[in-house]
Amino acid sequence: MSSGFVRLPSGSVVVALTLPRPDEPGGRGRDRVRVLVHARNRARALTRLRNLGLRAVYLRGNVAPPTPDEVTAVLHHPDGLIWREAPAPRGAQYHPWHPIRTLVGRPAAWA
């Protein structure tokens, strides 16, 4: 799992995590998703994810911080919590972000 964060001038943070896709059995497949969370601090960002059922999510290091485009995308979303496939499919010129509720249908899949 690669992850990272960036602190914004307002003091809030954007946390980015690349995780196994939750709808795969056991979550061990090759499909991955990039999840972005905007929150007051890193602990609150992880709490928001854990409240959705992502029990084993940790922020270790800062090897894959969000890009400026990712920060813009999450700041413009009303929930401040979005995802998309990672990496983008081959040949995809535009790979849209989705609200987290479209991914998390069964929270137990993330446990």
PDB file of N, CA and C in Angstrom:
ATOM      1  N   MET A   1       0.844  -1.161   0.000  1.00  0.00           N
ATOM      2  CA  MET A   1       0.000   0.000   0.000  1.00  0.00           C
ATOM      3  C   MET A   1       0.892   1.228   0.000  1.00  0.00           C
ATOM      4  N   SER A   2       0.713   2.093  -0.964  1.00  0.00           N
ATOM      5  CA  SER A   2       1.468   3.340  -0.977  1.00  0.00           C
ATOM      6  C   SER A   2       0.554   4.459  -0.501  1.00  0.00           C
ATOM      7  N   SER A   3       1.149   5.380   0.214  1.00  0.00           N
ATOM      8  CA  SER A   3       0.347   6.449   0.782  1.00  0.00           C
ATOM      9  C   SER A   3       1.178   7.705   0.926  1.00  0.00           C
ATOM     10  N   GLY A   4       0.483   8.790   1.214  1.00  0.00           N
ATOM     11  CA  GLY A   4       1.153  10.052   1.445  1.00  0.00           C
ATOM     12  C   GLY A   4       0.143  11.118   1.785  1.00  0.00           C
ATOM     13  N   PHE A   5       0.651  12.289   2.110  1.00  0.00           N
ATOM     14  CA  PHE A   5      -0.223  13.393   2.465  1.00  0.00           C
ATOM     15  C   PHE A   5       0.440  14.703   2.089  1.00  0.00           C
ATOM     16  N   VAL A   6      -0.365  15.742   2.059  1.00  0.00           N
ATOM     17  CA  VAL A   6       0.142  17.091   1.851  1.00  0.00           C
ATOM     18  C   VAL A   6      -0.639  18.021   2.789  1.00  0.00           C
ATOM     19  N   ARG A   7       0.082  18.911   3.434  1.00  0.00           N
ATOM     20  CA  ARG A   7      -0.546  19.900   4.318  1.00  0.00           C
ATOM     21  C   ARG A   7      -0.855  21.132   3.478  1.00  0.00           C
ATOM     22  N   LEU A   8      -2.079  21.621   3.587  1.00  0.00           N
ATOM     23  CA  LEU A   8      -2.519  22.785   2.835  1.00  0.00           C
ATOM     24  C   LEU A   8      -2.246  24.059   3.640  1.00  0.00           C
ATOM     25  N   PRO A   9      -2.201  25.219   2.967  1.00  0.00           N
ATOM     26  CA  PRO A   9      -1.958  26.476   3.688  1.00  0.00           C
ATOM     27  C   PRO A   9      -2.978  26.745   4.800  1.00  0.00           C
ATOM     28  N   SER A  10      -4.180  26.209   4.677  1.00  0.00           N
ATOM     29  CA  SER A  10      -5.209  26.410   5.700  1.00  0.00           C
ATOM     30  C   SER A  10      -4.950  25.577   6.954  1.00  0.00           C
ATOM     31  N   GLY A  11      -3.999  24.654   6.878  1.00  0.00           N
ATOM     32  CA  GLY A  11      -3.694  23.782   8.004  1.00  0.00           C
ATOM     33  C   GLY A  11      -4.317  22.405   7.880  1.00  0.00           C
ATOM     34  N   SER A  12      -5.290  22.243   6.975  1.00  0.00           N
ATOM     35  CA  SER A  12      -5.891  20.927   6.763  1.00  0.00           C
ATOM     36  C   SER A  12      -4.954  20.073   5.910  1.00  0.00           C
ATOM     37  N   VAL A  13      -5.283  18.811   5.746  1.00  0.00           N
ATOM     38  CA  VAL A  13      -4.444  17.902   4.966  1.00  0.00           C
ATOM     39  C   VAL A  13      -5.284  17.153   3.939  1.00  0.00           C
ATOM     40  N   VAL A  14      -4.592  16.690   2.914  1.00  0.00           N
ATOM     41  CA  VAL A  14      -5.167  15.752   1.946  1.00  0.00           C
ATOM     42  C   VAL A  14      -4.313  14.498   2.028  1.00  0.00           C
ATOM     43  N   VAL A  15      -4.963  13.378   2.328  1.00  0.00           N
ATOM     44  CA  VAL A  15      -4.284  12.088   2.443  1.00  0.00           C
ATOM     45  C   VAL A  15      -4.638  11.254   1.226  1.00  0.00           C
ATOM     46  N   ALA A  16      -3.639  10.606   0.636  1.00  0.00           N
ATOM     47  CA  ALA A  16      -3.836   9.738  -0.515  1.00  0.00           C
ATOM     48  C   ALA A  16      -3.353   8.331  -0.172  1.00  0.00           C
ATOM     49  N   LEU A  17      -4.180   7.346  -0.475  1.00  0.00           N
ATOM     50  CA  LEU A  17      -3.845   5.944  -0.220  1.00  0.00           C
ATOM     51  C   LEU A  17      -4.153   5.120  -1.460  1.00  0.00           C
ATOM     52  N   THR A  18      -3.273   4.194  -1.787  1.00  0.00           N
ATOM     53  CA  THR A  18      -3.542   3.234  -2.848  1.00  0.00           C
ATOM     54  C   THR A  18      -3.790   1.899  -2.175  1.00  0.00           C
ATOM     55  N   LEU A  19      -4.995   1.364  -2.375  1.00  0.00           N
ATOM     56  CA  LEU A  19      -5.448   0.170  -1.664  1.00  0.00           C
ATOM     57  C   LEU A  19      -5.934  -0.902  -2.633  1.00  0.00           C
ATOM     58  N   PRO A  20      -5.984  -2.170  -2.198  1.00  0.00           N
ATOM     59  CA  PRO A  20      -6.612  -3.196  -3.019  1.00  0.00           C
ATOM     60  C   PRO A  20      -8.091  -2.875  -3.188  1.00  0.00           C
ATOM     61  N   ARG A  21      -8.630  -3.176  -4.346  1.00  0.00           N
ATOM     62  CA  ARG A  21     -10.046  -2.912  -4.592  1.00  0.00           C
ATOM     63  C   ARG A  21     -10.884  -3.759  -3.637  1.00  0.00           C
ATOM     64  N   PRO A  22     -11.818  -3.156  -2.899  1.00  0.00           N
ATOM     65  CA  PRO A  22     -12.539  -3.882  -1.853  1.00  0.00           C
ATOM     66  C   PRO A  22     -13.529  -4.919  -2.340  1.00  0.00           C
ATOM     67  N   ASP A  23     -14.003  -4.821  -3.580  1.00  0.00           N
ATOM     68  CA  ASP A  23     -15.002  -5.779  -4.026  1.00  0.00           C
ATOM     69  C   ASP A  23     -14.394  -7.058  -4.588  1.00  0.00           C
ATOM     70  N   GLU A  24     -13.071  -7.199  -4.492  1.00  0.00           N
ATOM     71  CA  GLU A  24     -12.427  -8.439  -4.880  1.00  0.00           C
ATOM     72  C   GLU A  24     -12.385  -9.381  -3.686  1.00  0.00           C
ATOM     73  N   PRO A  25     -12.579 -10.668  -3.901  1.00  0.00           N
ATOM     74  CA  PRO A  25     -12.518 -11.607  -2.776  1.00  0.00           C
ATOM     75  C   PRO A  25     -11.160 -11.540  -2.082  1.00  0.00           C
ATOM     76  N   GLY A  26     -11.167 -11.255  -0.810  1.00  0.00           N
ATOM     77  CA  GLY A  26      -9.923 -11.174  -0.044  1.00  0.00           C
ATOM     78  C   GLY A  26      -9.138  -9.903  -0.275  1.00  0.00           C
ATOM     79  N   GLY A  27      -9.533  -9.090  -1.269  1.00  0.00           N
ATOM     80  CA  GLY A  27      -8.843  -7.834  -1.536  1.00  0.00           C
ATOM     81  C   GLY A  27      -7.394  -8.011  -1.936  1.00  0.00           C
ATOM     82  N   ARG A  28      -7.026  -9.162  -2.501  1.00  0.00           N
ATOM     83  CA  ARG A  28      -5.626  -9.425  -2.816  1.00  0.00           C
ATOM     84  C   ARG A  28      -5.339  -9.422  -4.315  1.00  0.00           C
ATOM     85  N   GLY A  29      -6.285  -8.982  -5.097  1.00  0.00           N
ATOM     86  CA  GLY A  29      -6.100  -8.987  -6.541  1.00  0.00           C
ATOM     87  C   GLY A  29      -5.186  -7.880  -7.013  1.00  0.00           C
ATOM     88  N   ARG A  30      -5.061  -7.785  -8.286  1.00  0.00           N
ATOM     89  CA  ARG A  30      -4.183  -6.774  -8.863  1.00  0.00           C
ATOM     90  C   ARG A  30      -4.854  -5.420  -8.988  1.00  0.00           C
ATOM     91  N   ASP A  31      -6.189  -5.414  -8.958  1.00  0.00           N
ATOM     92  CA  ASP A  31      -6.899  -4.146  -9.087  1.00  0.00           C
ATOM     93  C   ASP A  31      -6.713  -3.322  -7.819  1.00  0.00           C
ATOM     94  N   ARG A  32      -6.365  -2.071  -8.027  1.00  0.00           N
ATOM     95  CA  ARG A  32      -6.140  -1.163  -6.901  1.00  0.00           C
ATOM     96  C   ARG A  32      -6.956   0.099  -7.123  1.00  0.00           C
ATOM     97  N   VAL A  33      -7.214   0.798  -6.035  1.00  0.00           N
ATOM     98  CA  VAL A  33      -7.911   2.070  -6.105  1.00  0.00           C
ATOM     99  C   VAL A  33      -7.079   3.120  -5.370  1.00  0.00           C
ATOM    100  N   ARG A  34      -7.187   4.337  -5.825  1.00  0.00           N
ATOM    101  CA  ARG A  34      -6.536   5.481  -5.183  1.00  0.00           C
ATOM    102  C   ARG A  34      -7.632   6.240  -4.445  1.00  0.00           C
ATOM    103  N   VAL A  35      -7.497   6.369  -3.152  1.00  0.00           N
ATOM    104  CA  VAL A  35      -8.491   7.026  -2.314  1.00  0.00           C
ATOM    105  C   VAL A  35      -7.891   8.327  -1.788  1.00  0.00           C
ATOM    106  N   LEU A  36      -8.658   9.410  -1.873  1.00  0.00           N
ATOM    107  CA  LEU A  36      -8.224  10.711  -1.372  1.00  0.00           C
ATOM    108  C   LEU A  36      -9.189  11.198  -0.311  1.00  0.00           C
ATOM    109  N   VAL A  37      -8.643  11.741   0.763  1.00  0.00           N
ATOM    110  CA  VAL A  37      -9.445  12.241   1.874  1.00  0.00           C
ATOM    111  C   VAL A  37      -8.960  13.632   2.262  1.00  0.00           C
ATOM    112  N   HIS A  38      -9.903  14.553   2.400  1.00  0.00           N
ATOM    113  CA  HIS A  38      -9.586  15.889   2.898  1.00  0.00           C
ATOM    114  C   HIS A  38     -10.100  15.962   4.328  1.00  0.00           C
ATOM    115  N   ALA A  39      -9.250  16.382   5.265  1.00  0.00           N
ATOM    116  CA  ALA A  39      -9.644  16.450   6.676  1.00  0.00           C
ATOM    117  C   ALA A  39      -8.790  17.496   7.404  1.00  0.00           C
ATOM    118  N   ARG A  40      -9.159  17.760   8.664  1.00  0.00           N
ATOM    119  CA  ARG A  40      -8.429  18.738   9.479  1.00  0.00           C
ATOM    120  C   ARG A  40      -7.003  18.295   9.756  1.00  0.00           C
ATOM    121  N   ASN A  41      -6.807  16.981   9.935  1.00  0.00           N
ATOM    122  CA  ASN A  41      -5.468  16.462  10.204  1.00  0.00           C
ATOM    123  C   ASN A  41      -5.396  15.003   9.739  1.00  0.00           C
ATOM    124  N   ARG A  42      -4.201  14.424   9.795  1.00  0.00           N
ATOM    125  CA  ARG A  42      -4.019  13.053   9.306  1.00  0.00           C
ATOM    126  C   ARG A  42      -4.832  12.053  10.113  1.00  0.00           C
ATOM    127  N   ALA A  43      -4.867  12.218  11.416  1.00  0.00           N
ATOM    128  CA  ALA A  43      -5.621  11.280  12.253  1.00  0.00           C
ATOM    129  C   ALA A  43      -7.102  11.302  11.889  1.00  0.00           C
ATOM    130  N   ARG A  44      -7.650  12.479  11.668  1.00  0.00           N
ATOM    131  CA  ARG A  44      -9.069  12.589  11.307  1.00  0.00           C
ATOM    132  C   ARG A  44      -9.332  11.980   9.927  1.00  0.00           C
ATOM    133  N   ALA A  45      -8.401  12.137   9.012  1.00  0.00           N
ATOM    134  CA  ALA A  45      -8.563  11.541   7.673  1.00  0.00           C
ATOM    135  C   ALA A  45      -8.647  10.019   7.785  1.00  0.00           C
ATOM    136  N   LEU A  46      -7.768   9.430   8.581  1.00  0.00           N
ATOM    137  CA  LEU A  46      -7.798   7.977   8.746  1.00  0.00           C
ATOM    138  C   LEU A  46      -9.051   7.535   9.492  1.00  0.00           C
ATOM    139  N   THR A  47      -9.510   8.335  10.437  1.00  0.00           N
ATOM    140  CA  THR A  47     -10.751   8.014  11.149  1.00  0.00           C
ATOM    141  C   THR A  47     -11.931   8.008  10.192  1.00  0.00           C
ATOM    142  N   ARG A  48     -11.964   8.952   9.274  1.00  0.00           N
ATOM    143  CA  ARG A  48     -13.051   8.984   8.288  1.00  0.00           C
ATOM    144  C   ARG A  48     -13.083   7.692   7.473  1.00  0.00           C
ATOM    145  N   LEU A  49     -11.907   7.192   7.091  1.00  0.00           N
ATOM    146  CA  LEU A  49     -11.840   5.947   6.329  1.00  0.00           C
ATOM    147  C   LEU A  49     -12.220   4.748   7.188  1.00  0.00           C
ATOM    148  N   ARG A  50     -11.756   4.727   8.408  1.00  0.00           N
ATOM    149  CA  ARG A  50     -12.092   3.608   9.305  1.00  0.00           C
ATOM    150  C   ARG A  50     -13.585   3.568   9.601  1.00  0.00           C
ATOM    151  N   ASN A  51     -14.225   4.716   9.668  1.00  0.00           N
ATOM    152  CA  ASN A  51     -15.671   4.760   9.883  1.00  0.00           C
ATOM    153  C   ASN A  51     -16.446   4.164   8.707  1.00  0.00           C
ATOM    154  N   LEU A  52     -15.810   4.093   7.553  1.00  0.00           N
ATOM    155  CA  LEU A  52     -16.428   3.466   6.380  1.00  0.00           C
ATOM    156  C   LEU A  52     -16.155   1.971   6.316  1.00  0.00           C
ATOM    157  N   GLY A  53     -15.360   1.467   7.229  1.00  0.00           N
ATOM    158  CA  GLY A  53     -15.068   0.043   7.259  1.00  0.00           C
ATOM    159  C   GLY A  53     -13.645  -0.314   6.906  1.00  0.00           C
ATOM    160  N   LEU A  54     -12.817   0.642   6.585  1.00  0.00           N
ATOM    161  CA  LEU A  54     -11.411   0.372   6.280  1.00  0.00           C
ATOM    162  C   LEU A  54     -10.656   0.260   7.589  1.00  0.00           C
ATOM    163  N   ARG A  55     -10.691  -0.898   8.194  1.00  0.00           N
ATOM    164  CA  ARG A  55     -10.140  -1.076   9.534  1.00  0.00           C
ATOM    165  C   ARG A  55      -8.618  -1.103   9.569  1.00  0.00           C
ATOM    166  N   ALA A  56      -7.988  -1.615   8.571  1.00  0.00           N
ATOM    167  CA  ALA A  56      -6.533  -1.790   8.601  1.00  0.00           C
ATOM    168  C   ALA A  56      -5.821  -0.765   7.718  1.00  0.00           C
ATOM    169  N   VAL A  57      -6.250   0.483   7.769  1.00  0.00           N
ATOM    170  CA  VAL A  57      -5.646   1.530   6.957  1.00  0.00           C
ATOM    171  C   VAL A  57      -4.721   2.367   7.835  1.00  0.00           C
ATOM    172  N   TYR A  58      -3.474   2.462   7.404  1.00  0.00           N
ATOM    173  CA  TYR A  58      -2.482   3.244   8.137  1.00  0.00           C
ATOM    174  C   TYR A  58      -1.721   4.124   7.166  1.00  0.00           C
ATOM    175  N   LEU A  59      -1.235   5.217   7.652  1.00  0.00           N
ATOM    176  CA  LEU A  59      -0.422   6.129   6.858  1.00  0.00           C
ATOM    177  C   LEU A  59       1.021   5.932   7.290  1.00  0.00           C
ATOM    178  N   ARG A  60       1.777   5.249   6.450  1.00  0.00           N
ATOM    179  CA  ARG A  60       3.183   4.974   6.764  1.00  0.00           C
ATOM    180  C   ARG A  60       4.060   5.689   5.746  1.00  0.00           C
ATOM    181  N   GLY A  61       4.727   6.697   6.205  1.00  0.00           N
ATOM    182  CA  GLY A  61       5.608   7.441   5.322  1.00  0.00           C
ATOM    183  C   GLY A  61       4.855   8.391   4.427  1.00  0.00           C
ATOM    184  N   ASN A  62       5.572   8.889   3.457  1.00  0.00           N
ATOM    185  CA  ASN A  62       4.998   9.853   2.521  1.00  0.00           C
ATOM    186  C   ASN A  62       5.559   9.595   1.135  1.00  0.00           C
ATOM    187  N   VAL A  63       5.530   8.325   0.714  1.00  0.00           N
ATOM    188  CA  VAL A  63       6.130   7.943  -0.559  1.00  0.00           C
ATOM    189  C   VAL A  63       5.257   8.278  -1.759  1.00  0.00           C
ATOM    190  N   ALA A  64       3.951   8.416  -1.566  1.00  0.00           N
ATOM    191  CA  ALA A  64       3.048   8.713  -2.678  1.00  0.00           C
ATOM    192  C   ALA A  64       2.071   9.811  -2.290  1.00  0.00           C
ATOM    193  N   PRO A  65       2.582  11.031  -2.067  1.00  0.00           N
ATOM    194  CA  PRO A  65       1.668  12.115  -1.703  1.00  0.00           C
ATOM    195  C   PRO A  65       0.735  12.456  -2.862  1.00  0.00           C
ATOM    196  N   PRO A  66      -0.381  13.090  -2.581  1.00  0.00           N
ATOM    197  CA  PRO A  66      -1.300  13.455  -3.660  1.00  0.00           C
ATOM    198  C   PRO A  66      -0.676  14.491  -4.587  1.00  0.00           C
ATOM    199  N   THR A  67      -0.978  14.359  -5.852  1.00  0.00           N
ATOM    200  CA  THR A  67      -0.505  15.323  -6.841  1.00  0.00           C
ATOM    201  C   THR A  67      -1.363  16.587  -6.751  1.00  0.00           C
ATOM    202  N   PRO A  68      -0.912  17.680  -7.338  1.00  0.00           N
ATOM    203  CA  PRO A  68      -1.743  18.891  -7.343  1.00  0.00           C
ATOM    204  C   PRO A  68      -3.126  18.667  -7.964  1.00  0.00           C
ATOM    205  N   ASP A  69      -3.201  17.851  -9.014  1.00  0.00           N
ATOM    206  CA  ASP A  69      -4.497  17.557  -9.630  1.00  0.00           C
ATOM    207  C   ASP A  69      -5.403  16.778  -8.676  1.00  0.00           C
ATOM    208  N   GLU A  70      -4.819  15.862  -7.906  1.00  0.00           N
ATOM    209  CA  GLU A  70      -5.598  15.097  -6.943  1.00  0.00           C
ATOM    210  C   GLU A  70      -6.107  15.994  -5.815  1.00  0.00           C
ATOM    211  N   VAL A  71      -5.260  16.902  -5.362  1.00  0.00           N
ATOM    212  CA  VAL A  71      -5.663  17.837  -4.307  1.00  0.00           C
ATOM    213  C   VAL A  71      -6.833  18.683  -4.799  1.00  0.00           C
ATOM    214  N   THR A  72      -6.732  19.187  -6.004  1.00  0.00           N
ATOM    215  CA  THR A  72      -7.819  19.989  -6.572  1.00  0.00           C
ATOM    216  C   THR A  72      -9.100  19.186  -6.662  1.00  0.00           C
ATOM    217  N   ALA A  73      -9.002  17.935  -7.096  1.00  0.00           N
ATOM    218  CA  ALA A  73     -10.195  17.098  -7.236  1.00  0.00           C
ATOM    219  C   ALA A  73     -10.895  16.880  -5.902  1.00  0.00           C
ATOM    220  N   VAL A  74     -10.150  16.552  -4.857  1.00  0.00           N
ATOM    221  CA  VAL A  74     -10.777  16.279  -3.561  1.00  0.00           C
ATOM    222  C   VAL A  74     -11.300  17.559  -2.913  1.00  0.00           C
ATOM    223  N   LEU A  75     -10.648  18.680  -3.133  1.00  0.00           N
ATOM    224  CA  LEU A  75     -11.127  19.938  -2.563  1.00  0.00           C
ATOM    225  C   LEU A  75     -12.422  20.404  -3.213  1.00  0.00           C
ATOM    226  N   HIS A  76     -12.633  20.022  -4.463  1.00  0.00           N
ATOM    227  CA  HIS A  76     -13.847  20.429  -5.166  1.00  0.00           C
ATOM    228  C   HIS A  76     -15.000  19.462  -4.978  1.00  0.00           C
ATOM    229  N   HIS A  77     -14.770  18.360  -4.287  1.00  0.00           N
ATOM    230  CA  HIS A  77     -15.852  17.407  -4.044  1.00  0.00           C
ATOM    231  C   HIS A  77     -16.511  17.743  -2.717  1.00  0.00           C
ATOM    232  N   PRO A  78     -17.849  17.765  -2.667  1.00  0.00           N
ATOM    233  CA  PRO A  78     -18.528  18.174  -1.432  1.00  0.00           C
ATOM    234  C   PRO A  78     -18.243  17.278  -0.226  1.00  0.00           C
ATOM    235  N   ASP A  79     -18.006  15.987  -0.445  1.00  0.00           N
ATOM    236  CA  ASP A  79     -17.726  15.081   0.668  1.00  0.00           C
ATOM    237  C   ASP A  79     -16.261  15.105   1.095  1.00  0.00           C
ATOM    238  N   GLY A  80     -15.374  15.526   0.192  1.00  0.00           N
ATOM    239  CA  GLY A  80     -13.945  15.509   0.504  1.00  0.00           C
ATOM    240  C   GLY A  80     -13.381  14.107   0.620  1.00  0.00           C
ATOM    241  N   LEU A  81     -14.024  13.149  -0.057  1.00  0.00           N
ATOM    242  CA  LEU A  81     -13.617  11.741   0.023  1.00  0.00           C
ATOM    243  C   LEU A  81     -13.950  11.085  -1.307  1.00  0.00           C
ATOM    244  N   ILE A  82     -12.931  10.827  -2.133  1.00  0.00           N
ATOM    245  CA  ILE A  82     -13.151  10.316  -3.489  1.00  0.00           C
ATOM    246  C   ILE A  82     -12.190   9.173  -3.797  1.00  0.00           C
ATOM    247  N   TRP A  83     -12.450   8.472  -4.923  1.00  0.00           N
ATOM    248  CA  TRP A  83     -11.591   7.376  -5.343  1.00  0.00           C
ATOM    249  C   TRP A  83     -11.619   7.259  -6.867  1.00  0.00           C
ATOM    250  N   ARG A  84     -10.626   6.552  -7.394  1.00  0.00           N
ATOM    251  CA  ARG A  84     -10.605   6.116  -8.790  1.00  0.00           C
ATOM    252  C   ARG A  84      -9.658   4.941  -8.903  1.00  0.00           C
ATOM    253  N   GLU A  85      -9.707   4.252 -10.034  1.00  0.00           N
ATOM    254  CA  GLU A  85      -8.820   3.111 -10.233  1.00  0.00           C
ATOM    255  C   GLU A  85      -7.376   3.597 -10.291  1.00  0.00           C
ATOM    256  N   ALA A  86      -6.470   2.754  -9.836  1.00  0.00           N
ATOM    257  CA  ALA A  86      -5.056   3.111  -9.853  1.00  0.00           C
ATOM    258  C   ALA A  86      -4.244   1.939 -10.352  1.00  0.00           C
ATOM    259  N   PRO A  87      -3.402   2.116 -11.303  1.00  0.00           N
ATOM    260  CA  PRO A  87      -3.294   3.289 -12.156  1.00  0.00           C
ATOM    261  C   PRO A  87      -4.443   3.326 -13.156  1.00  0.00           C
ATOM    262  N   ALA A  88      -4.540   4.435 -13.851  1.00  0.00           N
ATOM    263  CA  ALA A  88      -5.609   4.592 -14.842  1.00  0.00           C
ATOM    264  C   ALA A  88      -5.479   3.519 -15.913  1.00  0.00           C
ATOM    265  N   PRO A  89      -6.606   2.996 -16.418  1.00  0.00           N
ATOM    266  CA  PRO A  89      -6.548   1.980 -17.467  1.00  0.00           C
ATOM    267  C   PRO A  89      -5.792   2.490 -18.688  1.00  0.00           C
ATOM    268  N   ARG A  90      -5.154   1.568 -19.374  1.00  0.00           N
ATOM    269  CA  ARG A  90      -4.399   1.950 -20.574  1.00  0.00           C
ATOM    270  C   ARG A  90      -5.323   2.575 -21.600  1.00  0.00           C
ATOM    271  N   GLY A  91      -4.835   3.614 -22.230  1.00  0.00           N
ATOM    272  CA  GLY A  91      -5.593   4.289 -23.269  1.00  0.00           C
ATOM    273  C   GLY A  91      -6.632   5.260 -22.731  1.00  0.00           C
ATOM    274  N   ALA A  92      -6.793   5.327 -21.431  1.00  0.00           N
ATOM    275  CA  ALA A  92      -7.788   6.236 -20.863  1.00  0.00           C
ATOM    276  C   ALA A  92      -7.213   7.645 -20.830  1.00  0.00           C
ATOM    277  N   GLN A  93      -7.859   8.548 -21.533  1.00  0.00           N
ATOM    278  CA  GLN A  93      -7.399   9.924 -21.535  1.00  0.00           C
ATOM    279  C   GLN A  93      -7.947  10.674 -20.326  1.00  0.00           C
ATOM    280  N   TYR A  94      -9.132  10.304 -19.893  1.00  0.00           N
ATOM    281  CA  TYR A  94      -9.726  10.935 -18.729  1.00  0.00           C
ATOM    282  C   TYR A  94     -10.262   9.843 -17.828  1.00  0.00           C
ATOM    283  N   HIS A  95      -9.778   9.820 -16.632  1.00  0.00           N
ATOM    284  CA  HIS A  95     -10.198   8.801 -15.673  1.00  0.00           C
ATOM    285  C   HIS A  95     -10.868   9.513 -14.510  1.00  0.00           C
ATOM    286  N   PRO A  96     -12.206   9.444 -14.435  1.00  0.00           N
ATOM    287  CA  PRO A  96     -12.934  10.276 -13.466  1.00  0.00           C
ATOM    288  C   PRO A  96     -12.799   9.813 -12.020  1.00  0.00           C
ATOM    289  N   TRP A  97     -12.978  10.751 -11.130  1.00  0.00           N
ATOM    290  CA  TRP A  97     -13.053  10.478  -9.701  1.00  0.00           C
ATOM    291  C   TRP A  97     -14.495  10.163  -9.355  1.00  0.00           C
ATOM    292  N   HIS A  98     -14.690   9.330  -8.355  1.00  0.00           N
ATOM    293  CA  HIS A  98     -16.023   8.918  -7.931  1.00  0.00           C
ATOM    294  C   HIS A  98     -16.183   9.183  -6.434  1.00  0.00           C
ATOM    295  N   PRO A  99     -17.422   9.432  -5.987  1.00  0.00           N
ATOM    296  CA  PRO A  99     -17.647   9.541  -4.536  1.00  0.00           C
ATOM    297  C   PRO A  99     -17.407   8.189  -3.878  1.00  0.00           C
ATOM    298  N   ILE A 100     -16.942   8.184  -2.658  1.00  0.00           N
ATOM    299  CA  ILE A 100     -16.576   6.940  -1.976  1.00  0.00           C
ATOM    300  C   ILE A 100     -17.771   6.007  -1.822  1.00  0.00           C
ATOM    301  N   ARG A 101     -18.982   6.533  -1.729  1.00  0.00           N
ATOM    302  CA  ARG A 101     -20.161   5.678  -1.530  1.00  0.00           C
ATOM    303  C   ARG A 101     -20.396   4.731  -2.706  1.00  0.00           C
ATOM    304  N   THR A 102     -19.849   5.035  -3.892  1.00  0.00           N
ATOM    305  CA  THR A 102     -20.005   4.119  -5.023  1.00  0.00           C
ATOM    306  C   THR A 102     -19.060   2.927  -4.925  1.00  0.00           C
ATOM    307  N   LEU A 103     -18.054   3.027  -4.088  1.00  0.00           N
ATOM    308  CA  LEU A 103     -17.087   1.956  -3.916  1.00  0.00           C
ATOM    309  C   LEU A 103     -17.394   1.106  -2.686  1.00  0.00           C
ATOM    310  N   VAL A 104     -17.804   1.745  -1.631  1.00  0.00           N
ATOM    311  CA  VAL A 104     -18.012   1.062  -0.354  1.00  0.00           C
ATOM    312  C   VAL A 104     -19.475   0.669  -0.233  1.00  0.00           C
ATOM    313  N   GLY A 105     -19.795  -0.498  -0.773  1.00  0.00           N
ATOM    314  CA  GLY A 105     -21.156  -0.996  -0.666  1.00  0.00           C
ATOM    315  C   GLY A 105     -21.313  -1.928   0.511  1.00  0.00           C
ATOM    316  N   ARG A 106     -20.254  -2.679   0.773  1.00  0.00           N
ATOM    317  CA  ARG A 106     -20.240  -3.621   1.892  1.00  0.00           C
ATOM    318  C   ARG A 106     -18.990  -3.326   2.715  1.00  0.00           C
ATOM    319  N   PRO A 107     -19.128  -2.562   3.778  1.00  0.00           N
ATOM    320  CA  PRO A 107     -17.963  -2.198   4.585  1.00  0.00           C
ATOM    321  C   PRO A 107     -17.148  -3.399   5.068  1.00  0.00           C
ATOM    322  N   ALA A 108     -17.765  -4.555   5.251  1.00  0.00           N
ATOM    323  CA  ALA A 108     -17.016  -5.717   5.751  1.00  0.00           C
ATOM    324  C   ALA A 108     -15.920  -6.137   4.773  1.00  0.00           C
ATOM    325  N   ALA A 109     -16.058  -5.785   3.489  1.00  0.00           N
ATOM    326  CA  ALA A 109     -15.052  -6.138   2.500  1.00  0.00           C
ATOM    327  C   ALA A 109     -13.725  -5.432   2.768  1.00  0.00           C
ATOM    328  N   TRP A 110     -13.742  -4.339   3.509  1.00  0.00           N
ATOM    329  CA  TRP A 110     -12.525  -3.583   3.787  1.00  0.00           C
ATOM    330  C   TRP A 110     -11.840  -4.042   5.062  1.00  0.00           C
ATOM    331  N   ALA A 111     -12.513  -4.820   5.853  1.00  0.00           N
ATOM    332  CA  ALA A 111     -11.957  -5.182   7.163  1.00  0.00           C
ATOM    333  C   ALA A 111     -10.716  -6.042   7.043  1.00  0.00           C
TER     334      ALA A 111
END
